[in-house]
Protein backbone atom coordinates (compact mmCIF):
# COMPACT_ATOMS: atom_id res chain seq x y z
CA ILE A 1 -0.07 0.17 0.11
CA THR A 2 3.00 2.36 0.69
CA THR A 3 4.26 1.75 -2.64
CA LEU A 4 0.84 2.55 -4.46
CA CYS A 5 0.22 5.88 -2.16
CA ARG A 6 3.68 6.97 -3.25
CA SER A 7 2.84 6.48 -6.65
CA LEU A 8 -0.37 8.01 -6.81
CA GLU A 9 1.10 11.14 -5.09
CA LYS A 10 3.92 11.39 -7.57
CA HIS A 11 1.43 10.78 -10.81
CA ALA A 12 -2.00 11.47 -9.77
CA VAL A 13 -3.72 14.85 -8.54
CA ASN A 14 -5.87 14.56 -5.35
CA PHE A 15 -9.07 16.46 -6.25
CA ASN A 16 -9.87 16.55 -2.72
CA VAL A 17 -7.27 18.49 -1.59
CA LEU A 18 -7.77 20.94 -3.81
CA ALA A 19 -11.61 21.59 -3.48
CA LEU A 20 -11.12 21.79 0.26
CA LYS A 21 -8.81 24.55 -0.79
CA GLY A 22 -11.00 26.42 -3.13
CA LYS A 23 -8.89 25.83 -6.11
CA PHE A 24 -11.43 24.61 -8.59
CA ASP A 25 -12.96 27.13 -10.78
CA ASN A 26 -15.89 28.79 -9.14
CA ILE A 27 -18.25 26.87 -11.50
CA ILE A 28 -17.59 23.71 -9.94
CA GLY A 29 -20.13 22.10 -8.14
CA LYS A 30 -22.75 24.49 -9.23
CA LYS A 31 -24.73 22.63 -11.89
CA ASP A 32 -27.88 22.56 -10.30
CA GLU A 33 -27.90 26.20 -9.95
CA ILE A 34 -27.05 26.91 -13.60
CA ASP A 35 -29.78 24.36 -14.47
CA MET A 36 -32.44 26.06 -12.56
CA ALA A 37 -31.26 29.47 -13.83
CA CYS A 38 -31.45 27.99 -17.09
CA GLU A 39 -34.93 26.86 -16.39
CA ILE A 40 -36.04 29.94 -15.02
CA LEU A 41 -34.75 32.18 -18.05
CA CYS A 42 -36.12 29.56 -20.45
CA ARG A 43 -39.56 30.39 -19.30
CA ARG A 44 -39.42 34.16 -19.99
CA THR A 45 -40.20 36.34 -22.68
CA LYS A 46 -37.58 38.93 -22.11
CA ASN A 47 -34.08 37.99 -20.94
CA ASN A 48 -32.12 40.43 -19.67
CA PRO A 49 -30.73 38.94 -16.15
CA VAL A 50 -27.90 40.44 -14.50
CA LEU A 51 -25.76 38.43 -11.66
CA LEU A 52 -24.38 40.17 -8.87
CA GLY A 53 -21.98 39.14 -6.05
CA GLU A 54 -18.74 39.92 -4.30
CA PRO A 55 -15.66 39.49 -6.51
CA GLY A 56 -14.69 35.86 -6.34
CA VAL A 57 -18.09 34.24 -6.23
CA GLY A 58 -18.19 32.99 -9.73
CA LYS A 59 -20.63 35.80 -11.60
CA THR A 60 -18.29 35.78 -14.88
CA ALA A 61 -17.90 32.13 -14.96
CA THR A 62 -21.68 31.37 -14.29
CA ALA A 63 -22.57 34.34 -16.76
CA THR A 64 -20.65 32.90 -19.49
CA ILE A 65 -21.99 29.34 -19.28
CA LEU A 66 -25.74 30.72 -19.07
CA ALA A 67 -25.13 33.25 -22.21
CA GLU A 68 -23.86 29.86 -24.26
CA LYS A 69 -26.70 27.79 -23.17
CA LEU A 70 -29.34 30.35 -23.59
CA GLY A 71 -28.08 32.28 -26.77
CA LEU A 72 -27.54 35.29 -24.69
CA HIS A 73 -25.07 38.22 -25.09
CA HIS A 74 -22.77 38.19 -22.24
CA THR A 75 -21.42 41.59 -21.05
CA ASN A 76 -18.99 41.88 -17.90
CA ILE A 77 -19.75 45.21 -16.46
CA GLY A 78 -16.14 45.22 -14.73
CA THR A 79 -14.47 44.64 -18.66
CA ILE A 80 -16.31 47.58 -20.05
CA ILE A 81 -15.34 49.81 -17.31
CA GLN A 82 -11.41 48.59 -17.66
CA GLN A 83 -11.66 48.79 -21.37
CA ASN A 84 -13.55 52.41 -21.36
CA LYS A 85 -10.93 54.03 -18.38
CA CYS A 86 -14.46 54.67 -16.48
CA HIS A 87 -12.63 55.90 -13.35
CA LEU A 88 -12.37 59.17 -11.89
CA GLU A 89 -9.21 58.80 -9.72
CA TYR A 90 -7.65 55.88 -7.71
CA ASP A 91 -8.05 55.13 -4.04
CA LYS A 92 -4.82 53.86 -2.34
CA THR A 93 -6.39 52.45 0.63
CA LEU A 94 -8.48 50.05 -0.91
CA ASP A 95 -6.15 49.55 -3.89
CA THR A 96 -9.01 50.71 -6.50
CA GLN A 97 -10.33 52.78 -8.89
CA ILE A 98 -13.31 55.27 -8.33
CA LEU A 99 -15.95 54.23 -10.69
CA ASP A 100 -17.07 57.38 -13.14
CA GLU A 101 -20.74 56.08 -12.97
CA GLU A 102 -22.12 58.70 -15.73
CA LYS A 103 -19.47 57.52 -18.38
CA LEU A 104 -20.04 53.69 -17.66
CA LEU A 105 -24.00 54.47 -18.33
CA ASP A 106 -23.25 56.29 -21.21
CA ILE A 107 -21.57 53.38 -22.88
CA LEU A 108 -24.00 50.79 -21.46
CA GLU A 109 -27.05 52.80 -22.62
CA HIS A 110 -26.29 51.96 -26.23
CA GLU A 111 -25.55 48.19 -25.35
CA PHE A 112 -28.93 47.71 -23.71
CA ASP A 113 -31.15 50.37 -25.26
CA VAL A 114 -30.03 49.42 -28.61
CA GLU A 115 -28.28 46.20 -29.05
CA TYR A 116 -30.49 44.38 -27.05
CA LYS A 117 -32.96 44.72 -30.00
CA THR A 118 -30.88 43.14 -32.31
CA LYS A 119 -29.09 40.43 -29.83
CA GLY A 120 -32.10 39.05 -28.29
CA GLY A 121 -31.02 39.34 -24.69
CA ILE A 122 -27.96 40.27 -22.41
CA ILE A 123 -26.99 38.56 -19.16
CA ALA A 124 -24.80 40.86 -17.37
CA ASP A 125 -22.22 40.55 -14.40
CA TYR A 126 -21.24 43.24 -11.88
CA HIS A 127 -21.01 43.74 -8.22
CA SER A 128 -24.32 45.94 -7.55
CA CYS A 129 -27.32 46.79 -9.60
CA GLU A 130 -27.71 49.98 -8.08
CA ILE A 131 -26.44 52.31 -10.52
CA PHE A 132 -28.31 50.92 -13.42
CA PRO A 133 -31.94 52.09 -14.78
CA GLU A 134 -34.39 49.06 -13.76
CA ARG A 135 -35.67 48.83 -17.54
CA TRP A 136 -32.45 47.30 -18.18
CA PHE A 137 -32.97 44.31 -15.94
CA ASP A 138 -35.89 41.69 -15.76
CA LEU A 139 -34.04 39.55 -13.51
CA ILE A 140 -31.37 39.91 -10.70
CA LEU A 141 -29.56 36.70 -9.52
CA CYS A 142 -27.27 37.29 -6.49
CA LEU A 143 -24.37 34.58 -6.27
CA ARG A 144 -22.64 33.77 -2.92
CA VAL A 145 -20.09 31.38 -1.54
CA ASP A 146 -18.70 30.24 1.68
CA THR A 147 -16.41 32.90 3.35
CA HIS A 148 -13.42 30.71 3.83
CA VAL A 149 -13.66 29.95 0.03
CA LEU A 150 -13.96 33.31 -1.11
CA TYR A 151 -11.48 34.86 1.63
CA ASP A 152 -8.81 32.30 -0.19
CA ARG A 153 -9.81 33.66 -3.20
CA LEU A 154 -9.48 37.46 -2.52
CA VAL A 155 -6.02 36.25 -0.99
CA ASP A 156 -5.38 34.88 -4.33
CA ARG A 157 -6.40 37.78 -6.43
CA GLY A 158 -3.96 40.03 -4.19
CA TYR A 159 -6.47 42.28 -2.34
CA ASN A 160 -4.82 44.01 0.00
CA GLU A 161 -6.09 43.77 3.71
CA GLN A 162 -8.95 46.42 3.85
CA LYS A 163 -10.13 45.76 0.75
CA ARG A 164 -10.28 41.84 1.76
CA ASN A 165 -12.30 43.10 4.95
CA GLU A 166 -14.73 44.95 3.24
CA ASN A 167 -15.35 42.59 0.59
CA MET A 168 -15.98 39.70 3.60
CA GLU A 169 -18.06 42.13 5.48
CA ALA A 170 -20.07 42.81 2.81
CA GLU A 171 -20.48 39.06 1.97
CA ILE A 172 -21.00 38.19 5.54
CA MET A 173 -23.68 40.82 5.81
CA ARG A 174 -25.67 40.10 2.28
CA VAL A 175 -25.34 44.03 1.34
CA VAL A 176 -25.29 42.52 -2.33
CA ILE A 177 -28.79 40.96 -1.85
CA ASP A 178 -30.17 43.76 0.38
CA GLU A 179 -29.46 46.45 -2.26
CA ALA A 180 -30.89 44.04 -4.92
CA LYS A 181 -34.26 43.52 -3.33
CA GLN A 182 -34.58 47.60 -2.89
């Protein structure tokens, strides 16, 4: 048995250990959630859902899969912000850019008000929905993850302590869900 164990350790990957360390893609283990979201979205006539959650919960991975399955256009709001430099200034304390909401909304106006009519539906992902006009989204899906997994993901992304703590607190206090309910 000892030789077999050494051989396995040398030539195999222990997925149980990786899973416990949160090293799998965010989408692993979310098949039921994706299937449920697909079922809900397939019953609807207008499909403009937005996936919300703290950084690291799997918004982009989930939105990508849903878009492929349902034939929707995936819009990653964070990518649009970066590509179009929708920033006012840099916050050194939180190691992040301050969002220029007006510039972002002007850019997205075309995406949601014009492109939607030709693309047949948009699935977006972002951290919050409070800045967007209600007419853009007809369904809000909030994603969450266990806090120990989220913490490790934020560390892996290089978030400083204050930024990690703020995101962890927001996840624990369900800030995104509460904002979405309003």
